[in-house]
Amino acid sequence: MTKRQLIVAAFTAVCLLGQQTGDYITFGDERLKLGMPRNQVLARLVGSFDLSGKEGRTSPCESDCVIWEKGGPPSKWVGNIGFTGGRLDGASKSWGPDDQAQGVPTAQAFYGAMSELVKGGVEQCYVQVGERESPGADARSVNITCGDGHVVGINILRSDRYGDAVDVSERLIK
């Protein structure tokens, strides 16, 4: 699994927990907020992305739209947006990985760790991210702390000397 895929998996995990800060989502350089008028959203996206209706690449983008990389075919799916009453009421963005099979082991490990917390009755969590870089190595982490010190961590290490590694762990701390 590549470093990019691991980072993508970690970020996706954070979003799945609903812990995103702010009430916006970005596609490329465009920041979209819930409640924005449909025409404004489409105008911001059309320069950088191809848009289509959910029925297929040639269908018009009406109440539900699919966002694709510009160009193609083939084109990479980027995300979806939806409108009610002419206003943005939902959006999702794919963080990959492009090779879906490569992300499955890490996603399964993350799912297993989080499932244990849910089985234990955890209802609220908070998320912390960290990053440390040095010559020849860098480390990134996502720690999701739930309840009284129950932590699920995703740690990513990239080292010229030792290679790349990832660890999904469940910890109980005081």
Protein backbone atom coordinates (compact mmCIF):
# COMPACT_ATOMS: atom_id res chain seq x y z
CA MET A 1 0.00 0.00 0.00
CA THR A 2 1.40 3.38 -0.97
CA LYS A 3 1.82 6.33 1.36
CA ARG A 4 -0.90 8.22 -0.55
CA GLN A 5 -3.33 5.33 -0.17
CA LEU A 6 -2.64 5.12 3.55
CA ILE A 7 -3.18 8.83 4.04
CA VAL A 8 -6.36 8.61 2.00
CA ALA A 9 -7.59 5.72 4.15
CA ALA A 10 -6.84 7.67 7.33
CA PHE A 11 -8.59 10.80 6.14
CA THR A 12 -11.58 8.82 4.93
CA ALA A 13 -11.85 7.27 8.36
CA VAL A 14 -11.99 10.70 9.96
CA CYS A 15 -14.76 11.81 7.61
CA LEU A 16 -16.73 8.64 8.22
CA LEU A 17 -16.89 9.52 11.88
CA GLY A 18 -18.52 12.84 11.07
CA GLN A 19 -15.73 14.78 12.72
CA GLN A 20 -15.02 17.14 9.81
CA THR A 21 -14.42 20.67 10.99
CA GLY A 22 -16.38 23.41 9.31
CA ASP A 23 -19.51 23.15 7.24
CA TYR A 24 -17.82 22.98 3.86
CA ILE A 25 -16.28 20.49 1.48
CA THR A 26 -13.66 21.23 -1.16
CA PHE A 27 -13.41 19.98 -4.72
CA GLY A 28 -10.13 21.15 -6.22
CA ASP A 29 -9.84 24.81 -5.22
CA GLU A 30 -13.57 25.26 -4.77
CA ARG A 31 -15.06 25.34 -1.28
CA LEU A 32 -18.75 24.47 -1.17
CA LYS A 33 -21.07 25.12 1.76
CA LEU A 34 -24.44 23.58 2.42
CA GLY A 35 -27.24 25.95 1.40
CA MET A 36 -25.33 27.50 -1.53
CA PRO A 37 -27.51 28.19 -4.58
CA ARG A 38 -27.37 25.47 -7.25
CA ASN A 39 -26.27 27.87 -10.01
CA GLN A 40 -23.37 29.13 -7.90
CA VAL A 41 -22.19 25.60 -7.07
CA LEU A 42 -22.34 24.46 -10.69
CA ALA A 43 -20.58 27.60 -11.93
CA ARG A 44 -17.71 26.97 -9.49
CA LEU A 45 -17.28 23.34 -10.50
CA VAL A 46 -17.83 23.36 -14.26
CA GLY A 47 -14.42 24.90 -15.05
CA SER A 48 -12.45 22.16 -13.30
CA PHE A 49 -14.73 19.11 -13.48
CA ASP A 50 -17.18 17.34 -15.74
CA LEU A 51 -20.66 17.09 -14.25
CA SER A 52 -23.46 14.67 -15.08
CA GLY A 53 -26.75 13.43 -13.71
CA LYS A 54 -26.82 10.21 -11.72
CA GLU A 55 -28.32 8.33 -14.69
CA GLY A 56 -25.06 8.45 -16.65
CA ARG A 57 -22.30 10.59 -18.13
CA THR A 58 -24.58 12.16 -20.74
CA SER A 59 -27.56 12.88 -18.47
CA PRO A 60 -28.13 16.46 -17.27
CA CYS A 61 -27.08 17.52 -13.80
CA GLU A 62 -30.42 18.28 -12.13
CA SER A 63 -31.11 17.51 -8.44
CA ASP A 64 -28.30 14.96 -8.03
CA CYS A 65 -24.98 15.38 -9.82
CA VAL A 66 -21.90 13.24 -10.27
CA ILE A 67 -18.52 15.01 -10.34
CA TRP A 68 -15.83 13.58 -12.67
CA GLU A 69 -12.25 14.52 -13.46
CA LYS A 70 -12.15 16.78 -16.51
CA GLY A 71 -11.56 14.98 -19.80
CA GLY A 72 -11.69 11.28 -20.46
CA PRO A 73 -12.96 8.73 -21.03
CA PRO A 74 -11.96 7.10 -18.88
CA SER A 75 -12.53 9.61 -16.13
CA LYS A 76 -12.10 9.22 -12.42
CA TRP A 77 -15.15 9.67 -10.21
CA VAL A 78 -14.53 12.56 -7.80
CA GLY A 79 -17.77 12.81 -5.84
CA ASN A 80 -21.48 13.66 -5.76
CA ILE A 81 -23.55 16.72 -4.94
CA GLY A 82 -27.29 17.04 -4.36
CA PHE A 83 -29.79 19.86 -4.31
CA THR A 84 -33.20 20.42 -2.75
CA GLY A 85 -35.17 23.56 -3.52
CA GLY A 86 -32.31 24.87 -5.64
CA ARG A 87 -29.79 24.73 -2.77
CA LEU A 88 -26.89 22.40 -1.98
CA ASP A 89 -28.10 19.91 0.62
CA GLY A 90 -25.44 17.23 0.42
CA ALA A 91 -22.02 16.43 -0.97
CA SER A 92 -19.58 13.54 -0.86
CA LYS A 93 -16.00 13.35 -2.04
CA SER A 94 -13.91 10.28 -2.81
CA TRP A 95 -10.46 10.10 -1.27
CA GLY A 96 -9.64 6.82 -3.00
CA PRO A 97 -7.53 4.83 -3.24
CA ASP A 98 -7.58 4.59 -7.03
CA ASP A 99 -6.78 0.87 -6.79
CA GLN A 100 -9.63 -0.13 -4.51
CA ALA A 101 -8.21 -3.58 -3.73
CA GLN A 102 -5.08 -1.98 -2.23
CA GLY A 103 -7.09 -0.13 0.42
CA VAL A 104 -9.16 -3.08 1.62
CA PRO A 105 -6.77 -4.49 4.29
CA THR A 106 -6.33 -1.13 6.03
CA ALA A 107 -10.05 -0.36 5.79
CA GLN A 108 -10.87 -3.77 7.30
CA ALA A 109 -8.46 -3.17 10.16
CA PHE A 110 -9.94 0.26 10.82
CA TYR A 111 -13.48 -1.14 10.67
CA GLY A 112 -12.56 -3.87 13.16
CA ALA A 113 -11.05 -1.41 15.62
CA MET A 114 -13.97 1.00 15.41
CA SER A 115 -16.50 -1.84 15.67
CA GLU A 116 -15.02 -2.80 19.03
CA LEU A 117 -15.59 0.73 20.31
CA VAL A 118 -19.20 0.76 19.12
CA LYS A 119 -19.87 -2.65 20.69
CA GLY A 120 -18.61 -1.17 23.95
CA GLY A 121 -21.23 1.58 23.82
CA VAL A 122 -19.05 4.48 22.73
CA GLU A 123 -21.11 7.33 21.30
CA GLN A 124 -18.80 10.35 21.13
CA CYS A 125 -15.29 10.61 19.76
CA TYR A 126 -12.84 13.34 18.89
CA VAL A 127 -10.13 13.29 16.29
CA GLN A 128 -6.53 14.47 16.41
CA VAL A 129 -4.04 14.41 13.57
CA GLY A 130 -0.29 14.70 13.84
CA GLU A 131 2.65 15.01 11.53
CA ARG A 132 6.41 14.86 12.03
CA GLU A 133 9.01 15.16 9.30
CA SER A 134 12.75 14.69 9.40
CA PRO A 135 15.41 14.05 6.77
CA GLY A 136 14.75 10.62 5.29
CA ALA A 137 11.55 9.94 7.22
CA ASP A 138 8.14 11.28 8.02
CA ALA A 139 5.29 10.10 10.20
CA ARG A 140 1.60 10.92 10.19
CA SER A 141 -1.10 9.81 12.58
CA VAL A 142 -4.81 10.00 13.13
CA ASN A 143 -6.00 9.28 16.67
CA ILE A 144 -9.70 8.90 17.36
CA THR A 145 -10.32 9.07 21.10
CA CYS A 146 -13.68 7.79 22.30
CA GLY A 147 -15.21 7.58 25.74
CA ASP A 148 -12.75 7.55 28.64
CA GLY A 149 -9.42 7.02 26.90
CA HIS A 150 -10.25 4.42 24.28
CA VAL A 151 -8.17 5.30 21.20
CA VAL A 152 -8.10 3.96 17.66
CA GLY A 153 -4.98 5.11 15.88
CA ILE A 154 -3.80 4.97 12.32
CA ASN A 155 -0.07 5.55 12.12
CA ILE A 156 1.80 5.94 8.85
CA LEU A 157 5.59 5.86 8.63
CA ARG A 158 7.66 6.54 5.56
CA SER A 159 11.36 5.96 6.00
CA ASP A 160 14.16 5.83 3.46
CA ARG A 161 16.01 3.46 5.77
CA TYR A 162 13.20 1.15 6.94
CA GLY A 163 10.58 1.48 4.21
CA ASP A 164 6.91 2.32 4.49
CA ALA A 165 4.62 0.99 7.22
CA VAL A 166 1.12 1.43 8.56
CA ASP A 167 -0.46 0.35 11.80
CA VAL A 168 -4.11 0.44 12.87
CA SER A 169 -4.28 -0.01 16.63
CA GLU A 170 -6.74 0.08 19.47
CA ARG A 171 -5.42 1.46 22.77
CA LEU A 172 -6.81 2.08 26.21
CA ILE A 173 -5.11 5.00 27.97
CA LYS A 174 -5.60 6.75 31.26
